[in-house]
N, C-alpha and C. Protein backbone atom coordinates (compact mmCIF):
# COMPACT_ATOMS: atom_id res chain seq x y z
N MET A 1 -52.21 22.11 195.49
CA MET A 1 -53.30 23.14 196.44
C MET A 1 -53.41 22.11 197.92
N ALA A 2 -53.03 22.23 198.29
CA ALA A 2 -52.88 21.82 199.77
C ALA A 2 -54.21 22.10 200.60
N THR A 3 -54.40 20.78 200.71
CA THR A 3 -55.46 20.03 201.85
C THR A 3 -56.60 21.31 202.61
N ALA A 4 -57.56 21.12 203.25
CA ALA A 4 -58.08 22.23 204.14
C ALA A 4 -56.84 21.34 205.74
N ASN A 5 -56.73 20.53 205.65
CA ASN A 5 -56.26 20.00 206.60
C ASN A 5 -54.81 19.73 206.67
N ASP A 6 -54.02 20.36 205.73
CA ASP A 6 -52.79 20.83 205.88
C ASP A 6 -52.82 22.18 205.84
N ARG A 7 -53.79 23.01 205.43
CA ARG A 7 -53.90 24.27 205.83
C ARG A 7 -54.07 24.26 207.44
N ALA A 8 -54.74 23.41 208.18
CA ALA A 8 -55.64 23.57 209.52
C ALA A 8 -54.00 23.48 210.44
N VAL A 9 -53.09 22.85 209.66
CA VAL A 9 -51.83 22.20 210.16
C VAL A 9 -50.82 23.59 210.42
N LEU A 10 -50.86 24.04 209.38
CA LEU A 10 -49.88 25.46 208.72
C LEU A 10 -50.52 26.64 209.39
N GLN A 11 -51.56 26.42 209.88
CA GLN A 11 -52.20 27.47 210.61
C GLN A 11 -51.66 27.37 212.06
N THR A 12 -51.81 26.18 212.60
CA THR A 12 -51.29 26.02 213.75
C THR A 12 -50.22 26.04 214.33
N ILE A 13 -49.04 26.19 213.00
CA ILE A 13 -47.57 26.15 213.27
C ILE A 13 -47.04 27.73 213.10
N PHE A 14 -47.92 28.45 212.67
CA PHE A 14 -47.81 30.16 212.73
C PHE A 14 -48.52 30.57 213.80
N ASN A 15 -49.75 29.61 213.76
CA ASN A 15 -50.09 30.75 214.97
C ASN A 15 -50.95 30.00 216.25
N PRO A 16 -49.98 29.62 216.68
CA PRO A 16 -50.09 27.80 218.10
C PRO A 16 -51.46 28.50 218.88
N SER A 17 -51.60 29.42 219.18
CA SER A 17 -52.46 30.47 219.90
C SER A 17 -54.03 30.60 218.72
N THR A 18 -54.21 29.98 217.68
CA THR A 18 -55.65 29.93 217.14
C THR A 18 -56.02 28.50 217.43
N PRO A 19 -57.56 28.49 217.63
CA PRO A 19 -57.75 27.23 217.86
C PRO A 19 -57.85 26.30 216.18
N PHE A 20 -57.24 24.69 216.21
CA PHE A 20 -57.22 23.53 215.22
C PHE A 20 -58.03 23.79 214.52
N GLY A 21 -57.75 24.54 213.09
CA GLY A 21 -58.94 24.32 212.21
C GLY A 21 -59.40 25.44 212.07
N ASP A 22 -59.10 26.50 212.83
CA ASP A 22 -59.77 28.07 212.02
C ASP A 22 -58.63 28.53 210.87
N ILE A 23 -59.19 28.52 210.00
CA ILE A 23 -58.50 28.78 208.64
C ILE A 23 -59.26 29.71 207.63
N PRO A 24 -59.06 31.01 208.21
CA PRO A 24 -59.07 32.31 208.04
C PRO A 24 -59.61 32.58 206.32
N GLY A 25 -60.38 33.06 205.86
CA GLY A 25 -60.25 33.50 204.98
C GLY A 25 -61.24 32.43 203.65
N LEU A 26 -61.36 31.46 204.14
CA LEU A 26 -62.23 29.72 203.55
C LEU A 26 -63.07 30.44 202.37
N ASP A 27 -64.03 31.68 203.25
CA ASP A 27 -65.13 31.96 202.17
C ASP A 27 -64.92 32.76 201.12
N GLU A 28 -63.23 33.32 200.81
CA GLU A 28 -62.92 33.91 199.66
C GLU A 28 -62.05 33.37 198.92
N GLU A 29 -61.88 31.82 199.01
CA GLU A 29 -60.76 30.89 198.36
C GLU A 29 -61.45 31.29 197.10
N GLU A 30 -62.42 31.53 196.19
CA GLU A 30 -62.48 31.94 195.12
C GLU A 30 -62.05 33.29 194.48
N GLU A 31 -62.08 33.98 195.19
CA GLU A 31 -61.49 35.45 194.71
C GLU A 31 -59.77 35.61 194.54
N GLU A 32 -59.72 34.33 196.06
CA GLU A 32 -57.78 34.42 196.19
C GLU A 32 -57.26 33.83 195.06
N GLU A 33 -57.98 32.64 194.70
CA GLU A 33 -57.73 31.96 193.43
C GLU A 33 -57.36 32.31 192.36
N ALA A 34 -58.85 33.50 191.97
CA ALA A 34 -58.88 34.54 190.76
C ALA A 34 -57.47 35.42 190.85
N GLN A 35 -57.07 35.58 192.16
CA GLN A 35 -55.75 36.72 191.94
C GLN A 35 -54.61 36.28 191.98
N GLU A 36 -54.14 34.79 192.28
CA GLU A 36 -53.21 33.69 192.05
C GLU A 36 -53.12 33.88 190.57
N GLU A 37 -54.12 33.33 189.74
CA GLU A 37 -54.38 33.61 188.08
C GLU A 37 -53.52 34.14 187.90
N ALA A 38 -53.50 35.42 188.12
CA ALA A 38 -52.30 36.95 187.47
C ALA A 38 -51.06 36.16 187.55
N PHE A 39 -50.39 35.42 188.25
CA PHE A 39 -49.20 35.39 188.48
C PHE A 39 -48.54 33.34 187.33
N VAL A 40 -47.90 33.58 186.84
CA VAL A 40 -47.12 33.07 185.79
C VAL A 40 -47.00 31.33 186.62
N PRO A 41 -48.06 30.16 186.30
CA PRO A 41 -48.42 29.14 186.85
C PRO A 41 -46.83 28.61 187.74
N GLU A 42 -45.70 28.53 186.46
CA GLU A 42 -44.43 27.86 186.96
C GLU A 42 -44.05 28.30 188.44
N LEU A 43 -43.74 29.96 188.32
CA LEU A 43 -43.61 30.80 189.36
C LEU A 43 -44.10 30.80 190.45
N LEU A 44 -44.99 30.78 190.75
CA LEU A 44 -46.52 30.47 191.52
C LEU A 44 -45.77 29.31 192.12
N GLU A 45 -46.07 28.35 191.39
CA GLU A 45 -45.63 27.12 191.78
C GLU A 45 -44.18 26.46 192.90
N GLN A 46 -43.40 27.64 192.15
CA GLN A 46 -41.60 27.56 192.91
C GLN A 46 -42.13 28.60 194.30
N VAL A 47 -42.81 29.97 194.38
CA VAL A 47 -42.84 30.24 194.99
C VAL A 47 -43.31 29.71 196.29
N ARG A 48 -44.46 29.19 195.95
CA ARG A 48 -45.22 28.12 197.47
C ARG A 48 -44.38 26.92 197.62
N ASP A 49 -43.64 26.31 196.79
CA ASP A 49 -42.56 25.48 197.70
C ASP A 49 -41.76 26.03 198.32
N LEU A 50 -41.01 27.09 198.12
CA LEU A 50 -40.42 28.09 198.99
C LEU A 50 -41.00 28.55 200.26
N GLU A 51 -42.34 28.89 200.18
CA GLU A 51 -42.82 28.90 200.94
C GLU A 51 -43.49 27.95 202.04
N LEU A 52 -43.34 26.91 201.46
CA LEU A 52 -43.75 25.37 202.04
C LEU A 52 -41.99 25.01 202.73
N GLN A 53 -41.22 25.50 201.98
CA GLN A 53 -39.74 25.01 202.70
C GLN A 53 -39.56 25.90 204.18
N GLY A 54 -40.06 27.22 203.73
CA GLY A 54 -39.72 28.05 204.83
C GLY A 54 -40.71 27.74 206.32
N VAL A 55 -41.97 27.09 206.23
CA VAL A 55 -42.68 26.49 206.91
C VAL A 55 -41.98 25.59 207.96
N SER A 56 -41.54 24.65 206.82
CA SER A 56 -41.28 23.43 208.14
C SER A 56 -39.75 23.90 208.55
N ALA A 57 -38.77 24.72 207.92
CA ALA A 57 -37.80 25.34 208.54
C ALA A 57 -38.26 26.13 209.91
N ALA A 58 -39.14 26.50 210.03
CA ALA A 58 -39.70 27.46 211.19
C ALA A 58 -40.30 26.83 212.03
N GLU A 59 -41.05 25.21 211.83
CA GLU A 59 -40.97 24.26 212.41
C GLU A 59 -40.58 23.64 213.48
N SER A 60 -39.26 23.84 212.47
CA SER A 60 -38.53 22.60 213.31
C SER A 60 -37.47 23.82 213.46
N GLY A 61 -37.63 25.20 213.84
CA GLY A 61 -36.83 26.40 215.06
C GLY A 61 -35.49 26.70 214.10
N ASP A 62 -35.63 26.37 213.01
CA ASP A 62 -34.46 27.16 212.05
C ASP A 62 -35.04 28.32 211.63
N VAL A 63 -35.37 29.41 212.36
CA VAL A 63 -35.81 30.62 211.87
C VAL A 63 -35.18 31.33 210.53
N SER A 64 -33.50 31.44 210.93
CA SER A 64 -32.92 32.13 209.76
C SER A 64 -33.34 31.42 208.70
N THR A 65 -33.21 29.81 208.50
CA THR A 65 -33.68 29.66 206.80
C THR A 65 -34.94 29.60 206.77
N ALA A 66 -35.96 29.95 207.53
CA ALA A 66 -37.03 30.37 206.98
C ALA A 66 -37.55 31.37 206.58
N LEU A 67 -36.81 32.61 206.96
CA LEU A 67 -37.13 34.02 206.73
C LEU A 67 -35.86 33.82 205.62
N GLU A 68 -34.53 33.11 205.30
CA GLU A 68 -34.42 33.27 203.77
C GLU A 68 -35.43 32.19 202.56
N ARG A 69 -35.98 31.38 202.74
CA ARG A 69 -37.03 31.04 201.95
C ARG A 69 -38.03 32.03 201.85
N PHE A 70 -38.80 32.42 202.70
CA PHE A 70 -39.76 33.68 202.41
C PHE A 70 -39.15 35.19 201.65
N SER A 71 -38.26 35.50 201.77
CA SER A 71 -37.40 36.48 201.17
C SER A 71 -37.23 36.00 199.62
N GLU A 72 -36.91 34.98 199.58
CA GLU A 72 -36.39 33.90 198.11
C GLU A 72 -37.93 34.18 197.22
N ALA A 73 -39.16 33.75 198.06
CA ALA A 73 -40.46 33.59 197.61
C ALA A 73 -40.94 35.14 197.43
N ILE A 74 -40.53 36.28 198.53
CA ILE A 74 -40.76 37.40 198.15
C ILE A 74 -40.33 38.26 196.80
N SER A 75 -38.86 37.93 196.92
CA SER A 75 -38.21 38.31 195.55
C SER A 75 -38.89 37.68 194.46
N LEU A 76 -39.13 36.97 193.69
CA LEU A 76 -39.99 36.21 193.05
C LEU A 76 -41.11 36.67 192.67
N LEU A 77 -41.92 36.64 193.42
CA LEU A 77 -43.28 37.40 193.30
C LEU A 77 -43.77 38.14 194.49
N PRO A 78 -42.77 39.62 194.37
CA PRO A 78 -43.31 40.72 195.13
C PRO A 78 -44.35 41.24 195.53
N GLU A 79 -45.36 41.00 194.68
CA GLU A 79 -46.63 41.70 194.34
C GLU A 79 -47.55 40.72 195.02
N ARG A 80 -47.16 39.63 195.94
CA ARG A 80 -48.09 38.51 196.63
C ARG A 80 -48.49 38.39 197.65
N ALA A 81 -49.29 38.65 198.44
CA ALA A 81 -49.26 38.97 199.63
C ALA A 81 -48.65 37.94 200.93
N SER A 82 -48.94 36.88 200.61
CA SER A 82 -48.87 35.38 201.54
C SER A 82 -47.41 35.34 201.68
N GLY A 83 -46.49 35.52 200.74
CA GLY A 83 -45.18 35.78 201.19
C GLY A 83 -44.77 36.69 202.49
N TYR A 84 -45.09 37.71 202.40
CA TYR A 84 -45.21 38.96 203.21
C TYR A 84 -46.08 38.35 204.84
N ASN A 85 -46.94 37.93 204.62
CA ASN A 85 -47.47 37.18 206.09
C ASN A 85 -47.00 36.41 206.39
N ASN A 86 -45.63 35.40 205.76
CA ASN A 86 -45.19 34.35 205.99
C ASN A 86 -44.27 34.78 206.90
N ARG A 87 -43.65 35.54 206.32
CA ARG A 87 -42.11 36.64 206.60
C ARG A 87 -42.24 36.66 208.16
N ALA A 88 -43.42 37.65 208.24
CA ALA A 88 -43.89 38.06 209.61
C ALA A 88 -43.96 37.59 210.73
N GLN A 89 -44.46 36.34 210.05
CA GLN A 89 -44.72 35.34 211.16
C GLN A 89 -43.21 35.08 211.98
N ALA A 90 -42.44 34.87 210.53
CA ALA A 90 -40.87 34.44 211.29
C ALA A 90 -40.11 35.67 211.89
N LEU A 91 -40.71 36.54 211.27
CA LEU A 91 -40.17 38.04 212.25
C LEU A 91 -39.83 38.02 213.47
N ARG A 92 -41.38 38.03 213.78
CA ARG A 92 -42.04 37.98 214.96
C ARG A 92 -41.69 37.10 216.05
N LEU A 93 -41.31 35.87 215.39
CA LEU A 93 -40.21 34.38 216.16
C LEU A 93 -38.99 34.91 216.24
N ARG A 94 -38.22 35.45 215.61
CA ARG A 94 -36.92 36.39 216.02
C ARG A 94 -37.01 37.47 216.39
N GLY A 95 -38.30 38.07 216.64
CA GLY A 95 -37.97 39.31 218.13
C GLY A 95 -38.31 40.54 217.08
N ASP A 96 -38.09 40.64 215.87
CA ASP A 96 -38.31 41.59 215.16
C ASP A 96 -39.64 42.08 214.90
N VAL A 97 -40.52 43.05 215.77
CA VAL A 97 -41.78 43.29 215.94
C VAL A 97 -41.98 44.54 214.70
N ALA A 98 -40.96 45.12 214.51
CA ALA A 98 -41.34 46.33 213.48
C ALA A 98 -41.54 45.72 212.06
N GLY A 99 -40.37 45.04 211.98
CA GLY A 99 -40.25 44.52 210.39
C GLY A 99 -41.10 43.44 210.57
N ALA A 100 -41.76 42.94 211.43
CA ALA A 100 -42.71 41.68 211.23
C ALA A 100 -44.23 42.72 210.44
N LEU A 101 -44.54 43.98 211.44
CA LEU A 101 -45.30 44.99 211.06
C LEU A 101 -45.72 45.26 210.02
N GLN A 102 -43.88 45.44 209.56
CA GLN A 102 -43.93 46.19 208.10
C GLN A 102 -44.53 45.11 206.84
N ASP A 103 -43.92 44.14 207.43
CA ASP A 103 -44.58 42.81 206.34
C ASP A 103 -45.74 42.41 207.02
N LEU A 104 -46.52 43.22 207.92
CA LEU A 104 -47.97 42.94 207.63
C LEU A 104 -48.95 43.23 206.62
N ASP A 105 -48.19 44.56 207.06
CA ASP A 105 -49.12 46.07 206.37
C ASP A 105 -48.62 46.11 204.84
N ALA A 106 -47.82 45.41 204.13
CA ALA A 106 -47.66 44.95 202.87
C ALA A 106 -48.72 43.93 202.43
N ALA A 107 -49.22 43.10 203.60
CA ALA A 107 -49.50 41.67 203.26
C ALA A 107 -50.75 42.40 202.85
N ILE A 108 -51.40 43.37 204.00
CA ILE A 108 -52.75 43.46 203.75
C ILE A 108 -52.99 44.76 202.35
N ARG A 109 -51.49 45.49 202.05
CA ARG A 109 -51.83 46.43 200.64
C ARG A 109 -52.15 45.32 199.86
N LEU A 110 -51.62 45.04 199.61
CA LEU A 110 -51.07 43.47 198.38
C LEU A 110 -52.32 43.02 198.29
N SER A 111 -53.05 42.52 198.98
CA SER A 111 -54.38 41.83 199.71
C SER A 111 -55.75 42.54 199.07
N ARG A 112 -55.34 43.64 199.32
CA ARG A 112 -56.52 45.01 199.25
C ARG A 112 -57.24 44.49 200.40
N GLY A 113 -57.09 43.81 201.63
CA GLY A 113 -57.62 43.75 202.26
C GLY A 113 -59.13 42.58 202.72
N CYS A 114 -58.40 41.38 201.29
CA CYS A 114 -59.44 40.46 201.48
C CYS A 114 -58.94 38.97 201.17
N GLY A 115 -59.09 37.81 201.20
CA GLY A 115 -58.64 36.56 201.29
C GLY A 115 -57.78 36.26 202.33
N ARG A 116 -57.59 35.34 202.70
CA ARG A 116 -56.79 34.58 203.57
C ARG A 116 -55.67 35.19 204.33
N ALA A 117 -54.78 35.97 203.39
CA ALA A 117 -53.58 36.39 203.91
C ALA A 117 -53.79 37.65 204.25
N ALA A 118 -54.80 38.05 203.76
CA ALA A 118 -55.28 39.32 204.93
C ALA A 118 -56.12 39.08 206.05
N CYS A 119 -56.76 38.05 206.08
CA CYS A 119 -57.18 37.52 207.24
C CYS A 119 -56.08 37.42 208.97
N GLN A 120 -55.34 36.90 208.11
CA GLN A 120 -54.28 35.90 208.97
C GLN A 120 -53.00 37.25 209.35
N SER A 121 -52.78 38.09 208.37
CA SER A 121 -52.32 39.45 208.63
C SER A 121 -52.92 40.52 209.58
N PHE A 122 -54.67 40.56 209.36
CA PHE A 122 -54.98 41.45 210.45
C PHE A 122 -55.25 41.04 211.73
N VAL A 123 -54.88 39.21 211.98
CA VAL A 123 -55.36 38.70 213.14
C VAL A 123 -54.00 38.85 213.61
N GLN A 124 -52.68 38.72 212.85
CA GLN A 124 -51.26 38.99 213.92
C GLN A 124 -50.73 40.46 214.06
N ARG A 125 -51.41 41.25 213.23
CA ARG A 125 -51.13 42.41 213.36
C ARG A 125 -51.97 42.43 215.13
N GLY A 126 -53.04 42.55 214.94
CA GLY A 126 -53.40 42.65 215.90
C GLY A 126 -53.07 41.77 217.10
N LEU A 127 -52.91 41.50 217.45
CA LEU A 127 -52.16 40.55 218.47
C LEU A 127 -50.75 41.13 218.72
N ILE A 128 -50.39 41.64 217.71
CA ILE A 128 -49.21 42.37 218.42
C ILE A 128 -49.34 44.14 219.19
N HIS A 129 -50.63 44.47 218.29
CA HIS A 129 -51.30 45.53 219.04
C HIS A 129 -51.77 45.59 220.48
N ARG A 130 -51.63 43.85 220.27
CA ARG A 130 -52.63 43.82 221.80
C ARG A 130 -51.37 43.96 222.97
N LEU A 131 -49.95 42.94 222.19
CA LEU A 131 -48.77 42.94 223.32
C LEU A 131 -48.35 44.36 223.78
N GLN A 132 -48.72 45.18 222.33
CA GLN A 132 -48.18 46.70 222.19
C GLN A 132 -49.15 47.42 223.38
N ALA A 133 -49.97 47.12 224.19
CA ALA A 133 -51.52 47.99 224.97
C ALA A 133 -51.72 48.92 224.00
N ARG A 134 -51.78 48.69 222.38
CA ARG A 134 -52.88 49.38 221.47
C ARG A 134 -53.88 49.06 221.28
N GLU A 135 -54.82 48.95 221.94
CA GLU A 135 -56.10 47.92 222.41
C GLU A 135 -57.05 48.45 220.98
N ASP A 136 -57.00 49.83 220.76
CA ASP A 136 -58.22 50.22 219.99
C ASP A 136 -57.57 49.53 218.50
N ASP A 137 -56.38 49.83 218.28
CA ASP A 137 -55.92 49.16 217.07
C ASP A 137 -55.77 47.52 216.60
N ALA A 138 -55.79 47.35 218.15
CA ALA A 138 -56.40 45.97 217.73
C ALA A 138 -57.25 45.31 217.45
N ARG A 139 -58.80 45.85 218.09
CA ARG A 139 -59.38 45.89 217.96
C ARG A 139 -60.14 45.81 216.55
N ARG A 140 -59.57 46.96 215.89
CA ARG A 140 -60.05 47.15 214.37
C ARG A 140 -59.22 45.98 213.66
N ASP A 141 -58.17 45.84 214.03
CA ASP A 141 -57.65 44.48 213.36
C ASP A 141 -58.67 43.35 213.28
N PHE A 142 -58.96 42.94 214.79
CA PHE A 142 -59.71 41.96 215.07
C PHE A 142 -61.27 42.11 214.48
N GLU A 143 -61.74 42.97 214.27
CA GLU A 143 -63.27 43.33 213.26
C GLU A 143 -62.79 43.11 212.12
N ARG A 144 -61.57 43.92 211.39
CA ARG A 144 -61.79 43.09 210.13
C ARG A 144 -61.41 41.31 209.67
N ALA A 145 -60.73 41.52 210.35
CA ALA A 145 -60.15 40.10 210.62
C ALA A 145 -62.17 39.18 210.83
N ALA A 146 -62.17 39.11 211.54
CA ALA A 146 -63.60 38.46 211.98
C ALA A 146 -64.97 38.69 210.93
N ARG A 147 -64.62 40.06 210.26
CA ARG A 147 -65.30 39.75 208.60
C ARG A 147 -65.21 39.00 207.84
N LEU A 148 -63.76 38.93 207.93
CA LEU A 148 -63.37 38.11 206.98
C LEU A 148 -63.08 36.56 207.51
N GLY A 149 -63.95 35.91 208.13
CA GLY A 149 -63.95 34.80 208.87
C GLY A 149 -63.55 33.89 209.90
N SER A 150 -62.26 35.11 210.81
CA SER A 150 -61.58 34.39 211.71
C SER A 150 -62.64 34.26 213.13
N ALA A 151 -62.88 33.09 213.42
CA ALA A 151 -63.20 32.97 215.06
C ALA A 151 -62.46 33.36 215.83
N PHE A 152 -61.56 33.20 215.88
CA PHE A 152 -60.31 33.86 216.47
C PHE A 152 -60.43 34.95 216.84
N ALA A 153 -60.57 35.81 215.87
CA ALA A 153 -60.64 37.49 216.05
C ALA A 153 -61.82 37.71 216.66
N ARG A 154 -62.90 36.84 216.67
CA ARG A 154 -64.07 37.03 216.99
C ARG A 154 -63.78 37.01 218.58
N GLN A 155 -63.36 35.83 219.00
CA GLN A 155 -63.08 35.78 220.33
C GLN A 155 -62.25 36.85 221.25
N GLN A 156 -61.36 37.35 220.00
CA GLN A 156 -60.41 38.16 220.66
C GLN A 156 -61.35 39.70 221.15
N LEU A 157 -62.18 39.89 220.38
CA LEU A 157 -63.30 40.61 220.23
C LEU A 157 -63.79 41.07 221.49
N VAL A 158 -64.07 39.58 221.66
CA VAL A 158 -64.64 39.55 223.06
C VAL A 158 -63.86 39.84 224.40
N LEU A 159 -62.74 39.27 223.99
CA LEU A 159 -61.98 39.54 225.63
C LEU A 159 -61.87 41.14 225.33
N LEU A 160 -61.45 42.05 223.93
CA LEU A 160 -61.43 43.57 224.57
C LEU A 160 -62.40 44.28 224.79
N ASN A 161 -63.67 43.45 224.68
CA ASN A 161 -64.75 44.13 225.54
C ASN A 161 -64.88 44.70 227.10
N PRO A 162 -64.86 45.61 227.54
CA PRO A 162 -64.94 45.56 228.83
C PRO A 162 -66.38 45.21 229.78
N TYR A 163 -67.59 45.37 228.92
CA TYR A 163 -68.35 45.08 229.37
C TYR A 163 -68.75 43.35 228.89
N SER A 164 -67.97 42.69 228.52
CA SER A 164 -68.14 41.71 227.97
C SER A 164 -67.47 41.30 229.03
N ALA A 165 -65.99 41.35 229.20
CA ALA A 165 -65.38 41.42 230.30
C ALA A 165 -65.86 41.25 231.78
N LEU A 166 -66.38 42.29 232.47
CA LEU A 166 -67.09 42.38 233.61
C LEU A 166 -68.86 41.65 233.85
N CYS A 167 -69.13 41.35 232.56
CA CYS A 167 -70.53 40.15 232.69
C CYS A 167 -69.87 38.75 232.97
N ASN A 168 -68.74 38.72 232.50
CA ASN A 168 -67.81 37.09 232.30
C ASN A 168 -67.40 37.20 233.48
N GLN A 169 -67.11 38.13 234.68
CA GLN A 169 -66.68 38.19 235.72
C GLN A 169 -67.98 37.89 236.83
N MET A 170 -68.67 38.58 236.70
CA MET A 170 -69.87 38.58 237.17
C MET A 170 -70.43 37.11 237.30
N LEU A 171 -70.68 36.69 236.19
CA LEU A 171 -71.21 35.13 235.45
C LEU A 171 -70.24 33.74 236.51
N CYS A 172 -68.89 34.31 236.67
CA CYS A 172 -68.44 33.42 236.94
C CYS A 172 -68.48 33.55 238.66
N GLU A 173 -68.47 34.75 239.41
CA GLU A 173 -69.00 34.67 240.30
C GLU A 173 -70.14 33.94 240.99
N MET A 174 -71.03 34.05 240.28
CA MET A 174 -72.26 33.82 240.32
C MET A 174 -72.44 32.46 240.52
N LEU A 175 -72.08 31.58 239.15
CA LEU A 175 -71.97 29.71 239.51
C LEU A 175 -70.71 29.66 240.74
N GLY A 176 -70.01 30.55 241.07
CA GLY A 176 -69.62 29.81 242.13
C GLY A 176 -70.04 29.68 243.23
N ARG A 177 -71.11 30.75 243.52
CA ARG A 177 -71.84 30.79 244.65
C ARG A 177 -73.07 30.00 244.80
N LEU A 178 -73.50 29.17 243.46
CA LEU A 178 -74.39 28.39 243.20
C LEU A 178 -73.77 27.17 243.34
N ARG A 179 -72.49 27.04 243.08
CA ARG A 179 -71.74 25.38 243.18
C ARG A 179 -71.30 25.24 244.74
N ASN A 180 -70.87 26.10 245.25
CA ASN A 180 -70.84 26.51 246.93
C ASN A 180 -71.23 27.29 247.96
N PRO A 181 -72.98 27.06 247.98
CA PRO A 181 -73.64 27.92 248.42
C PRO A 181 -73.37 28.72 250.23
N GLY A 182 -72.19 27.83 250.55
CA GLY A 182 -71.97 27.92 252.25
C GLY A 182 -70.98 28.86 251.85
N GLY A 183 -69.84 28.47 250.66
CA GLY A 183 -68.84 29.37 250.92
C GLY A 183 -69.01 31.03 250.90
N THR A 184 -67.72 31.01 251.66
CA THR A 184 -67.11 32.85 251.11
C THR A 184 -66.72 33.40 250.37
N GLY A 185 -67.01 32.81 249.04
CA GLY A 185 -66.73 33.85 248.02
C GLY A 185 -66.50 32.78 246.69
């Protein structure tokens, strides 16, 4: 089992825009472990090893090898959400957004919207929706990820809130005037 620091490093590798140490789903680890117990232990260990190899390959820039490893993991345990979430990140790095969205949808479905894989999938899908200017879809995914414990998703929700953005803008202007009372703006 990976340590909390290992998970934080992996999270940073796959989601470089998230704050270091933001590990979604930690509160639901017990439920996730119960789901994992349904798998044959030797097979689960093999799949986790393949996923770690995929992460290492992605970290070194070898996205093709990462995709191969994640696909191998999925073929061994197609009902495990984590493999789809990981492969989605590699597909996104390759530029296959449609394929990434399919894998994220599969991860959310398989995880039943609970646990770390679901949380990460909601965040990643929300980010893709933002890039596609689908703000309402992004907001829904970030809300679900925030309920699963993602501080990053909560930050995204604040950014998506037009009233919050307006308040932040007015606050920045006011602070600027306080710092430079004789200035013109």
